[in-house]
Amino acid sequence: MAGTEKTKSLRGGLNAAGLRFGIVVAAFNSFITDRLLAGALDALARAGATDEQIETIRVPGSFEIPLAAKKLAATGRVDAVICIGCVLRGETSHYDYVASETARGIQLAQLDSGVPMAFCVLTCDTLEQAIDRAGLKGGNKGFEAGLGAVEMAQLSRKLAGKLARKPAGKPAHVETGKPARNAAPRAARERARGARRR
């Protein structure tokens, strides 16, 4: 039965040795983002990362995080990026645009660069909700993002190693200067057979 079969499982660890991390943090709502940053740094330190392994970049607001994160990833200097920001709902629809486009931008930056990006942009209705998630009742989401970055950086390295060791598949056709067998379309082959029968 499929339920009783043992399947191969691969996951990242929480050891930051040999890894490099980038943190992109928004200055807007710094009362919250500074607490999230402290939580992320604490998580990285507990995983064994030193100050030399961490690069912090500050941007004006959450909307600017994706571009900075993508450019940092493109340098090849980091194995994972932690994206920290805080967007609070106001009286207009501005919140909805910033929150959704920031999330979409970080996801695209991650997919385009292949570098894991931990999403730590709080999107809260009130300042009290943000405070709860930056070290009070809701824990510190920055700490969680830091651990997630370590785990994903480790997992990415393992996956890259497995892909590098995988034997290359046999190409369907290699150009040798000679026409490939059965390269002619079916209709042409049928016409040739008919001509031979006549």
N, C-alpha and C. Protein backbone atom coordinates (compact mmCIF):
# COMPACT_ATOMS: atom_id res chain seq x y z
N MET A 1 0.83 -1.20 0.00
CA MET A 1 0.00 0.00 0.00
C MET A 1 0.87 1.24 0.00
N ALA A 2 0.41 2.28 -0.69
CA ALA A 2 1.21 3.50 -0.81
C ALA A 2 1.45 4.14 0.55
N GLY A 3 0.48 4.03 1.46
CA GLY A 3 0.61 4.67 2.76
C GLY A 3 1.70 4.06 3.62
N THR A 4 2.03 2.79 3.34
CA THR A 4 3.03 2.11 4.16
C THR A 4 4.43 2.19 3.56
N GLU A 5 4.53 2.63 2.31
CA GLU A 5 5.85 2.72 1.67
C GLU A 5 6.61 3.92 2.22
N LYS A 6 7.92 3.72 2.37
CA LYS A 6 8.76 4.83 2.82
C LYS A 6 9.19 5.65 1.61
N THR A 7 8.96 6.95 1.69
CA THR A 7 9.35 7.83 0.61
C THR A 7 10.58 8.62 1.02
N LYS A 8 11.33 9.06 0.03
CA LYS A 8 12.50 9.88 0.30
C LYS A 8 12.05 11.26 0.73
N SER A 9 12.69 11.78 1.76
CA SER A 9 12.32 13.11 2.27
C SER A 9 13.57 13.97 2.32
N LEU A 10 13.43 15.19 1.87
CA LEU A 10 14.55 16.13 1.87
C LEU A 10 14.07 17.44 2.47
N ARG A 11 14.81 17.96 3.43
CA ARG A 11 14.48 19.26 3.99
C ARG A 11 15.76 19.95 4.44
N GLY A 12 15.66 21.26 4.59
CA GLY A 12 16.82 22.02 5.02
C GLY A 12 17.02 21.92 6.52
N GLY A 13 18.21 22.23 6.96
CA GLY A 13 18.50 22.23 8.39
C GLY A 13 18.51 23.65 8.93
N LEU A 14 18.84 23.75 10.21
CA LEU A 14 18.89 25.06 10.86
C LEU A 14 20.31 25.40 11.28
N ASN A 15 21.26 25.05 10.43
CA ASN A 15 22.66 25.36 10.68
C ASN A 15 23.11 26.39 9.64
N ALA A 16 23.48 27.56 10.11
CA ALA A 16 23.84 28.65 9.20
C ALA A 16 25.32 28.66 8.81
N ALA A 17 26.06 27.67 9.24
CA ALA A 17 27.50 27.63 8.93
C ALA A 17 27.72 27.64 7.42
N GLY A 18 28.58 28.53 6.96
CA GLY A 18 28.93 28.60 5.55
C GLY A 18 27.90 29.29 4.67
N LEU A 19 26.83 29.77 5.25
CA LEU A 19 25.79 30.45 4.48
C LEU A 19 25.89 31.96 4.64
N ARG A 20 25.37 32.68 3.66
CA ARG A 20 25.37 34.15 3.72
C ARG A 20 23.94 34.65 3.54
N PHE A 21 23.61 35.67 4.31
CA PHE A 21 22.24 36.15 4.33
C PHE A 21 22.16 37.64 4.06
N GLY A 22 21.13 38.02 3.34
CA GLY A 22 20.83 39.43 3.15
C GLY A 22 19.52 39.75 3.85
N ILE A 23 19.45 40.93 4.41
CA ILE A 23 18.21 41.40 5.02
C ILE A 23 17.86 42.74 4.40
N VAL A 24 16.68 42.82 3.80
CA VAL A 24 16.20 44.08 3.25
C VAL A 24 15.08 44.56 4.17
N VAL A 25 15.28 45.70 4.82
CA VAL A 25 14.33 46.17 5.81
C VAL A 25 13.84 47.57 5.47
N ALA A 26 12.52 47.76 5.56
CA ALA A 26 11.91 49.05 5.26
C ALA A 26 12.04 49.99 6.45
N ALA A 27 12.36 51.24 6.17
CA ALA A 27 12.48 52.24 7.23
C ALA A 27 11.11 52.74 7.69
N PHE A 28 10.12 52.69 6.81
CA PHE A 28 8.78 53.15 7.17
C PHE A 28 8.21 52.24 8.24
N ASN A 29 7.57 52.81 9.25
CA ASN A 29 7.08 52.06 10.42
C ASN A 29 8.25 51.37 11.13
N SER A 30 9.35 52.10 11.27
CA SER A 30 10.56 51.53 11.87
C SER A 30 10.35 51.07 13.30
N PHE A 31 9.36 51.62 13.98
CA PHE A 31 9.05 51.17 15.33
C PHE A 31 8.77 49.67 15.34
N ILE A 32 8.19 49.18 14.23
CA ILE A 32 7.90 47.75 14.09
C ILE A 32 9.04 47.02 13.39
N THR A 33 9.51 47.58 12.27
CA THR A 33 10.50 46.86 11.48
C THR A 33 11.83 46.68 12.22
N ASP A 34 12.17 47.61 13.10
CA ASP A 34 13.40 47.43 13.89
C ASP A 34 13.28 46.23 14.83
N ARG A 35 12.09 46.02 15.35
CA ARG A 35 11.88 44.86 16.22
C ARG A 35 11.93 43.55 15.42
N LEU A 36 11.37 43.59 14.23
CA LEU A 36 11.42 42.42 13.36
C LEU A 36 12.86 42.11 12.95
N LEU A 37 13.62 43.16 12.66
CA LEU A 37 15.02 42.99 12.30
C LEU A 37 15.79 42.36 13.46
N ALA A 38 15.55 42.83 14.67
CA ALA A 38 16.22 42.26 15.84
C ALA A 38 15.88 40.78 15.99
N GLY A 39 14.64 40.43 15.73
CA GLY A 39 14.23 39.03 15.81
C GLY A 39 14.92 38.18 14.76
N ALA A 40 15.03 38.70 13.53
CA ALA A 40 15.70 37.95 12.46
C ALA A 40 17.18 37.75 12.78
N LEU A 41 17.83 38.79 13.27
CA LEU A 41 19.25 38.69 13.63
C LEU A 41 19.45 37.70 14.76
N ASP A 42 18.53 37.67 15.71
CA ASP A 42 18.61 36.72 16.81
C ASP A 42 18.52 35.29 16.30
N ALA A 43 17.58 35.05 15.38
CA ALA A 43 17.42 33.71 14.81
C ALA A 43 18.68 33.27 14.06
N LEU A 44 19.25 34.18 13.27
CA LEU A 44 20.46 33.84 12.51
C LEU A 44 21.62 33.54 13.46
N ALA A 45 21.73 34.33 14.51
CA ALA A 45 22.81 34.11 15.48
C ALA A 45 22.64 32.76 16.17
N ARG A 46 21.43 32.42 16.54
CA ARG A 46 21.18 31.13 17.20
C ARG A 46 21.48 29.96 16.27
N ALA A 47 21.33 30.20 14.95
CA ALA A 47 21.64 29.15 13.98
C ALA A 47 23.13 29.08 13.66
N GLY A 48 23.90 30.01 14.24
CA GLY A 48 25.35 29.95 14.07
C GLY A 48 25.93 30.96 13.11
N ALA A 49 25.12 31.90 12.62
CA ALA A 49 25.63 32.91 11.69
C ALA A 49 26.38 34.00 12.45
N THR A 50 27.47 34.47 11.87
CA THR A 50 28.22 35.58 12.45
C THR A 50 27.85 36.87 11.73
N ASP A 51 28.28 37.99 12.27
CA ASP A 51 27.98 39.29 11.65
C ASP A 51 28.52 39.37 10.23
N GLU A 52 29.65 38.71 9.98
CA GLU A 52 30.27 38.76 8.65
C GLU A 52 29.43 38.03 7.60
N GLN A 53 28.53 37.18 8.04
CA GLN A 53 27.69 36.42 7.11
C GLN A 53 26.39 37.14 6.78
N ILE A 54 26.18 38.30 7.35
CA ILE A 54 24.89 38.99 7.22
C ILE A 54 25.10 40.39 6.64
N GLU A 55 24.31 40.71 5.63
CA GLU A 55 24.35 42.03 5.00
C GLU A 55 22.96 42.65 5.09
N THR A 56 22.87 43.83 5.67
CA THR A 56 21.57 44.49 5.85
C THR A 56 21.46 45.71 4.93
N ILE A 57 20.35 45.79 4.23
CA ILE A 57 20.08 46.91 3.33
C ILE A 57 18.78 47.56 3.77
N ARG A 58 18.78 48.89 3.87
CA ARG A 58 17.58 49.61 4.28
C ARG A 58 16.99 50.35 3.08
N VAL A 59 15.69 50.23 2.94
CA VAL A 59 14.96 50.90 1.86
C VAL A 59 13.88 51.79 2.49
N PRO A 60 13.36 52.76 1.74
CA PRO A 60 12.38 53.69 2.33
C PRO A 60 11.13 53.01 2.87
N GLY A 61 10.52 52.14 2.05
CA GLY A 61 9.27 51.51 2.48
C GLY A 61 9.15 50.10 1.93
N SER A 62 8.05 49.44 2.25
CA SER A 62 7.85 48.05 1.83
C SER A 62 7.79 47.91 0.31
N PHE A 63 7.24 48.91 -0.37
CA PHE A 63 7.11 48.84 -1.82
C PHE A 63 8.47 48.73 -2.51
N GLU A 64 9.52 49.24 -1.86
CA GLU A 64 10.87 49.21 -2.45
C GLU A 64 11.63 47.93 -2.14
N ILE A 65 11.07 47.08 -1.30
CA ILE A 65 11.79 45.85 -0.90
C ILE A 65 12.09 44.92 -2.08
N PRO A 66 11.11 44.61 -2.95
CA PRO A 66 11.37 43.62 -4.00
C PRO A 66 12.56 43.95 -4.90
N LEU A 67 12.67 45.21 -5.33
CA LEU A 67 13.77 45.58 -6.22
C LEU A 67 15.12 45.41 -5.52
N ALA A 68 15.22 45.89 -4.30
CA ALA A 68 16.48 45.76 -3.57
C ALA A 68 16.82 44.29 -3.33
N ALA A 69 15.81 43.50 -3.00
CA ALA A 69 16.04 42.07 -2.75
C ALA A 69 16.51 41.36 -4.02
N LYS A 70 15.90 41.71 -5.15
CA LYS A 70 16.29 41.08 -6.42
C LYS A 70 17.72 41.46 -6.81
N LYS A 71 18.06 42.74 -6.66
CA LYS A 71 19.41 43.18 -7.00
C LYS A 71 20.45 42.55 -6.07
N LEU A 72 20.11 42.43 -4.79
CA LEU A 72 21.03 41.79 -3.85
C LEU A 72 21.23 40.32 -4.21
N ALA A 73 20.14 39.63 -4.54
CA ALA A 73 20.25 38.23 -4.93
C ALA A 73 21.11 38.05 -6.18
N ALA A 74 21.00 39.01 -7.11
CA ALA A 74 21.74 38.93 -8.38
C ALA A 74 23.24 39.06 -8.18
N THR A 75 23.67 39.62 -7.06
CA THR A 75 25.12 39.76 -6.84
C THR A 75 25.79 38.43 -6.57
N GLY A 76 25.02 37.43 -6.16
CA GLY A 76 25.60 36.14 -5.81
C GLY A 76 26.23 36.12 -4.43
N ARG A 77 26.05 37.19 -3.67
CA ARG A 77 26.68 37.28 -2.35
C ARG A 77 25.89 36.61 -1.25
N VAL A 78 24.62 36.26 -1.52
CA VAL A 78 23.78 35.72 -0.45
C VAL A 78 23.10 34.42 -0.87
N ASP A 79 22.83 33.59 0.13
CA ASP A 79 22.14 32.32 -0.09
C ASP A 79 20.64 32.44 0.19
N ALA A 80 20.25 33.48 0.91
CA ALA A 80 18.83 33.74 1.19
C ALA A 80 18.69 35.20 1.57
N VAL A 81 17.48 35.73 1.35
CA VAL A 81 17.18 37.13 1.69
C VAL A 81 15.96 37.15 2.60
N ILE A 82 16.04 37.95 3.65
CA ILE A 82 14.90 38.15 4.54
C ILE A 82 14.33 39.53 4.24
N CYS A 83 13.05 39.57 3.89
CA CYS A 83 12.40 40.83 3.50
C CYS A 83 11.50 41.30 4.64
N ILE A 84 11.82 42.45 5.21
CA ILE A 84 11.12 42.94 6.40
C ILE A 84 10.45 44.28 6.13
N GLY A 85 9.16 44.34 6.43
CA GLY A 85 8.43 45.58 6.28
C GLY A 85 7.16 45.54 7.11
N CYS A 86 6.44 46.64 7.12
CA CYS A 86 5.18 46.71 7.85
C CYS A 86 4.25 47.70 7.14
N VAL A 87 3.08 47.20 6.76
CA VAL A 87 2.08 48.03 6.09
C VAL A 87 0.84 48.04 6.97
N LEU A 88 0.42 49.23 7.39
CA LEU A 88 -0.76 49.37 8.24
C LEU A 88 -1.92 49.94 7.43
N ARG A 89 -3.11 49.39 7.64
CA ARG A 89 -4.28 49.84 6.90
C ARG A 89 -4.63 51.28 7.29
N GLY A 90 -4.90 52.08 6.30
CA GLY A 90 -5.29 53.47 6.55
C GLY A 90 -6.71 53.72 6.10
N GLU A 91 -7.02 54.95 5.79
CA GLU A 91 -8.37 55.32 5.41
C GLU A 91 -8.63 55.18 3.91
N THR A 92 -7.59 54.94 3.14
CA THR A 92 -7.75 54.82 1.68
C THR A 92 -7.33 53.42 1.24
N SER A 93 -7.43 53.17 -0.07
CA SER A 93 -7.08 51.85 -0.62
C SER A 93 -5.58 51.70 -0.84
N HIS A 94 -4.80 52.70 -0.46
CA HIS A 94 -3.35 52.65 -0.63
C HIS A 94 -2.76 51.36 -0.03
N TYR A 95 -3.26 50.97 1.12
CA TYR A 95 -2.80 49.76 1.82
C TYR A 95 -2.88 48.53 0.91
N ASP A 96 -4.01 48.37 0.24
CA ASP A 96 -4.23 47.18 -0.58
C ASP A 96 -3.22 47.08 -1.72
N TYR A 97 -2.95 48.22 -2.36
CA TYR A 97 -1.99 48.21 -3.46
C TYR A 97 -0.58 47.91 -2.96
N VAL A 98 -0.17 48.55 -1.90
CA VAL A 98 1.20 48.35 -1.39
C VAL A 98 1.37 46.91 -0.89
N ALA A 99 0.41 46.41 -0.13
CA ALA A 99 0.52 45.06 0.42
C ALA A 99 0.59 44.01 -0.68
N SER A 100 -0.34 44.09 -1.64
CA SER A 100 -0.38 43.06 -2.69
C SER A 100 0.82 43.14 -3.63
N GLU A 101 1.20 44.35 -4.01
CA GLU A 101 2.32 44.48 -4.94
C GLU A 101 3.66 44.15 -4.28
N THR A 102 3.78 44.42 -3.00
CA THR A 102 5.01 44.04 -2.30
C THR A 102 5.14 42.52 -2.25
N ALA A 103 4.06 41.85 -1.90
CA ALA A 103 4.08 40.38 -1.85
C ALA A 103 4.37 39.79 -3.23
N ARG A 104 3.71 40.32 -4.25
CA ARG A 104 3.93 39.82 -5.61
C ARG A 104 5.36 40.08 -6.07
N GLY A 105 5.87 41.26 -5.75
CA GLY A 105 7.23 41.60 -6.16
C GLY A 105 8.27 40.71 -5.51
N ILE A 106 8.10 40.42 -4.24
CA ILE A 106 9.05 39.54 -3.55
C ILE A 106 9.00 38.13 -4.13
N GLN A 107 7.79 37.66 -4.40
CA GLN A 107 7.67 36.32 -5.00
C GLN A 107 8.33 36.26 -6.37
N LEU A 108 8.12 37.29 -7.19
CA LEU A 108 8.76 37.31 -8.51
C LEU A 108 10.27 37.41 -8.40
N ALA A 109 10.76 38.21 -7.45
CA ALA A 109 12.20 38.33 -7.25
C ALA A 109 12.80 37.00 -6.85
N GLN A 110 12.08 36.26 -6.03
CA GLN A 110 12.54 34.94 -5.60
C GLN A 110 12.59 33.96 -6.77
N LEU A 111 11.52 33.95 -7.55
CA LEU A 111 11.46 33.02 -8.67
C LEU A 111 12.46 33.39 -9.76
N ASP A 112 12.62 34.67 -10.03
CA ASP A 112 13.55 35.11 -11.08
C ASP A 112 15.01 34.84 -10.70
N SER A 113 15.34 35.03 -9.44
CA SER A 113 16.74 34.90 -9.01
C SER A 113 17.10 33.49 -8.57
N GLY A 114 16.11 32.72 -8.14
CA GLY A 114 16.40 31.40 -7.60
C GLY A 114 16.94 31.44 -6.18
N VAL A 115 16.96 32.62 -5.58
CA VAL A 115 17.43 32.77 -4.20
C VAL A 115 16.22 32.82 -3.28
N PRO A 116 16.17 31.97 -2.25
CA PRO A 116 15.02 31.99 -1.33
C PRO A 116 14.86 33.34 -0.65
N MET A 117 13.61 33.76 -0.51
CA MET A 117 13.32 35.03 0.16
C MET A 117 12.26 34.81 1.21
N ALA A 118 12.61 35.09 2.45
CA ALA A 118 11.67 34.94 3.56
C ALA A 118 10.79 36.17 3.62
N PHE A 119 9.49 35.95 3.62
CA PHE A 119 8.52 37.05 3.59
C PHE A 119 8.17 37.45 5.01
N CYS A 120 8.61 38.63 5.41
CA CYS A 120 8.33 39.14 6.75
C CYS A 120 7.81 40.58 6.64
N VAL A 121 6.80 40.75 5.81
CA VAL A 121 6.15 42.05 5.67
C VAL A 121 4.80 41.95 6.37
N LEU A 122 4.68 42.57 7.53
CA LEU A 122 3.42 42.54 8.26
C LEU A 122 2.38 43.39 7.53
N THR A 123 1.18 42.87 7.40
CA THR A 123 0.08 43.62 6.81
C THR A 123 -1.05 43.60 7.84
N CYS A 124 -1.14 44.63 8.63
CA CYS A 124 -2.04 44.66 9.78
C CYS A 124 -3.06 45.80 9.67
N ASP A 125 -4.19 45.59 10.32
CA ASP A 125 -5.21 46.62 10.37
C ASP A 125 -4.85 47.72 11.36
N THR A 126 -4.17 47.34 12.45
CA THR A 126 -3.86 48.32 13.50
C THR A 126 -2.42 48.20 13.95
N LEU A 127 -1.94 49.25 14.60
CA LEU A 127 -0.60 49.23 15.16
C LEU A 127 -0.49 48.17 16.25
N GLU A 128 -1.55 47.97 17.01
CA GLU A 128 -1.53 46.96 18.07
C GLU A 128 -1.32 45.56 17.51
N GLN A 129 -1.94 45.27 16.38
CA GLN A 129 -1.73 43.96 15.74
C GLN A 129 -0.28 43.79 15.32
N ALA A 130 0.31 44.85 14.80
CA ALA A 130 1.71 44.79 14.37
C ALA A 130 2.64 44.58 15.57
N ILE A 131 2.37 45.28 16.66
CA ILE A 131 3.20 45.13 17.87
C ILE A 131 3.13 43.70 18.38
N ASP A 132 1.93 43.11 18.36
CA ASP A 132 1.77 41.73 18.82
C ASP A 132 2.62 40.76 18.00
N ARG A 133 2.81 41.07 16.72
CA ARG A 133 3.56 40.18 15.83
C ARG A 133 5.04 40.52 15.76
N ALA A 134 5.42 41.56 16.48
CA ALA A 134 6.83 41.98 16.48
C ALA A 134 7.46 41.78 17.86
N GLY A 135 6.98 40.77 18.57
CA GLY A 135 7.62 40.44 19.83
C GLY A 135 6.73 40.26 21.02
N LEU A 136 5.42 40.52 20.88
CA LEU A 136 4.53 40.34 22.03
C LEU A 136 3.71 39.05 21.88
N LYS A 137 2.40 39.14 21.94
CA LYS A 137 1.56 37.94 22.00
C LYS A 137 1.73 37.01 20.79
N GLY A 138 1.96 37.57 19.63
CA GLY A 138 2.08 36.76 18.43
C GLY A 138 3.49 36.28 18.15
N GLY A 139 4.39 36.43 19.11
CA GLY A 139 5.79 36.07 18.87
C GLY A 139 6.44 37.13 18.00
N ASN A 140 7.62 36.81 17.49
CA ASN A 140 8.32 37.75 16.61
C ASN A 140 8.43 37.13 15.23
N LYS A 141 7.69 37.69 14.29
CA LYS A 141 7.69 37.15 12.93
C LYS A 141 9.06 37.29 12.27
N GLY A 142 9.86 38.24 12.73
CA GLY A 142 11.22 38.36 12.21
C GLY A 142 12.06 37.15 12.59
N PHE A 143 11.90 36.67 13.80
CA PHE A 143 12.61 35.47 14.25
C PHE A 143 12.21 34.27 13.39
N GLU A 144 10.90 34.12 13.15
CA GLU A 144 10.42 33.02 12.32
C GLU A 144 10.98 33.11 10.90
N ALA A 145 11.03 34.33 10.37
CA ALA A 145 11.57 34.52 9.01
C ALA A 145 13.05 34.18 8.96
N GLY A 146 13.77 34.51 10.03
CA GLY A 146 15.19 34.18 10.09
C GLY A 146 15.43 32.67 10.03
N LEU A 147 14.66 31.93 10.83
CA LEU A 147 14.78 30.47 10.80
C LEU A 147 14.39 29.91 9.44
N GLY A 148 13.33 30.47 8.85
CA GLY A 148 12.91 30.02 7.53
C GLY A 148 13.97 30.26 6.47
N ALA A 149 14.67 31.39 6.59
CA ALA A 149 15.73 31.70 5.62
C ALA A 149 16.88 30.70 5.72
N VAL A 150 17.25 30.33 6.95
CA VAL A 150 18.32 29.34 7.13
C VAL A 150 17.90 28.00 6.53
N GLU A 151 16.68 27.58 6.85
CA GLU A 151 16.21 26.29 6.36
C GLU A 151 16.14 26.25 4.83
N MET A 152 15.63 27.32 4.22
CA MET A 152 15.52 27.34 2.76
C MET A 152 16.87 27.46 2.08
N ALA A 153 17.81 28.17 2.71
CA ALA A 153 19.16 28.26 2.14
C ALA A 153 19.82 26.88 2.13
N GLN A 154 19.65 26.16 3.22
CA GLN A 154 20.20 24.79 3.30
C GLN A 154 19.54 23.89 2.28
N LEU A 155 18.21 23.97 2.18
CA LEU A 155 17.47 23.13 1.24
C LEU A 155 17.88 23.44 -0.20
N SER A 156 18.05 24.70 -0.53
CA SER A 156 18.45 25.07 -1.89
C SER A 156 19.81 24.49 -2.24
N ARG A 157 20.73 24.52 -1.28
CA ARG A 157 22.05 23.92 -1.53
C ARG A 157 21.95 22.42 -1.76
N LYS A 158 21.11 21.76 -0.96
CA LYS A 158 20.94 20.31 -1.12
C LYS A 158 20.32 19.99 -2.47
N LEU A 159 19.33 20.76 -2.86
CA LEU A 159 18.68 20.53 -4.15
C LEU A 159 19.65 20.79 -5.30
N ALA A 160 20.45 21.83 -5.19
CA ALA A 160 21.44 22.13 -6.23
C ALA A 160 22.45 21.00 -6.34
N GLY A 161 22.85 20.44 -5.20
CA GLY A 161 23.79 19.32 -5.20
C GLY A 161 23.20 18.09 -5.85
N LYS A 162 21.93 17.81 -5.58
CA LYS A 162 21.28 16.65 -6.17
C LYS A 162 21.13 16.81 -7.68
N LEU A 163 20.77 18.02 -8.12
CA LEU A 163 20.63 18.25 -9.55
C LEU A 163 21.97 18.12 -10.26
N ALA A 164 23.05 18.57 -9.60
CA ALA A 164 24.37 18.50 -10.21
C ALA A 164 24.83 17.05 -10.36
N ARG A 165 24.41 16.18 -9.43
CA ARG A 165 24.83 14.79 -9.48
C ARG A 165 23.96 13.93 -10.37
N LYS A 166 22.80 14.44 -10.76
CA LYS A 166 21.88 13.66 -11.59
C LYS A 166 22.48 13.44 -12.97
N PRO A 167 22.53 12.18 -13.43
CA PRO A 167 23.10 11.94 -14.77
C PRO A 167 22.26 12.61 -15.84
N ALA A 168 22.96 13.16 -16.80
CA ALA A 168 22.27 13.85 -17.88
C ALA A 168 21.51 12.84 -18.72
N GLY A 169 20.33 13.20 -19.13
CA GLY A 169 19.52 12.32 -19.97
C GLY A 169 20.09 12.22 -21.38
N LYS A 170 19.83 11.10 -22.04
CA LYS A 170 20.31 10.92 -23.40
C LYS A 170 19.52 11.82 -24.34
N PRO A 171 20.21 12.63 -25.14
CA PRO A 171 19.47 13.52 -26.05
C PRO A 171 18.67 12.72 -27.07
N ALA A 172 17.53 13.26 -27.44
CA ALA A 172 16.67 12.56 -28.40
C ALA A 172 17.34 12.48 -29.77
N HIS A 173 18.12 13.48 -30.14
CA HIS A 173 18.77 13.50 -31.45
C HIS A 173 20.01 14.39 -31.37
N VAL A 174 21.12 13.88 -31.82
CA VAL A 174 22.35 14.65 -31.83
C VAL A 174 22.73 14.92 -33.27
N GLU A 175 23.00 16.17 -33.59
CA GLU A 175 23.38 16.53 -34.96
C GLU A 175 24.74 15.94 -35.29
N THR A 176 24.80 15.13 -36.37
CA THR A 176 26.06 14.51 -36.78
C THR A 176 26.44 14.88 -38.20
N GLY A 177 25.62 15.66 -38.86
CA GLY A 177 25.89 15.97 -40.26
C GLY A 177 25.11 15.07 -41.19
N LYS A 178 24.56 13.94 -40.62
CA LYS A 178 23.76 13.02 -41.42
C LYS A 178 22.29 13.26 -41.09
N PRO A 179 21.43 13.01 -42.05
CA PRO A 179 20.00 13.18 -41.76
C PRO A 179 19.58 12.22 -40.66
N ALA A 180 18.75 12.65 -39.76
CA ALA A 180 18.25 11.78 -38.70
C ALA A 180 17.27 10.79 -39.28
N ARG A 181 17.27 9.55 -38.71
CA ARG A 181 16.31 8.55 -39.16
C ARG A 181 14.91 9.02 -38.84
N ASN A 182 13.99 8.70 -39.74
CA ASN A 182 12.59 9.05 -39.56
C ASN A 182 12.37 10.56 -39.39
N ALA A 183 13.28 11.32 -39.95
CA ALA A 183 13.14 12.77 -39.81
C ALA A 183 12.07 13.32 -40.76
N ALA A 184 11.82 12.61 -41.88
CA ALA A 184 10.83 13.08 -42.85
C ALA A 184 9.44 12.97 -42.25
N PRO A 185 8.58 13.89 -42.58
CA PRO A 185 7.20 13.81 -42.09
C PRO A 185 6.52 12.57 -42.61
N ARG A 186 5.50 12.12 -41.87
CA ARG A 186 4.80 10.88 -42.22
C ARG A 186 4.25 10.94 -43.64
N ALA A 187 3.69 12.07 -44.04
CA ALA A 187 3.09 12.18 -45.38
C ALA A 187 4.13 11.94 -46.46
N ALA A 188 5.34 12.46 -46.28
CA ALA A 188 6.38 12.28 -47.28
C ALA A 188 6.79 10.82 -47.37
N ARG A 189 6.85 10.14 -46.21
CA ARG A 189 7.22 8.71 -46.22
C ARG A 189 6.16 7.89 -46.94
N GLU A 190 4.88 8.26 -46.71
CA GLU A 190 3.80 7.53 -47.38
C GLU A 190 3.88 7.73 -48.90
N ARG A 191 4.19 8.95 -49.36
CA ARG A 191 4.30 9.21 -50.80
C ARG A 191 5.44 8.39 -51.40
N ALA A 192 6.55 8.29 -50.66
CA ALA A 192 7.70 7.52 -51.17
C ALA A 192 7.35 6.06 -51.30
N ARG A 193 6.63 5.51 -50.34
CA ARG A 193 6.23 4.11 -50.40
C ARG A 193 5.31 3.87 -51.60
N GLY A 194 4.37 4.81 -51.83
CA GLY A 194 3.43 4.67 -52.96
C GLY A 194 4.15 4.70 -54.29
N ALA A 195 5.20 5.53 -54.41
CA ALA A 195 5.94 5.63 -55.65
C ALA A 195 6.69 4.34 -55.94
N ARG A 196 7.19 3.67 -54.86
CA ARG A 196 7.93 2.43 -55.05
C ARG A 196 7.01 1.29 -55.49
N ARG A 197 5.75 1.33 -55.05
CA ARG A 197 4.82 0.24 -55.40
C ARG A 197 4.43 0.32 -56.87
N ARG A 198 4.45 1.53 -57.46
CA ARG A 198 3.99 1.68 -58.86
C ARG A 198 4.95 1.16 -59.84
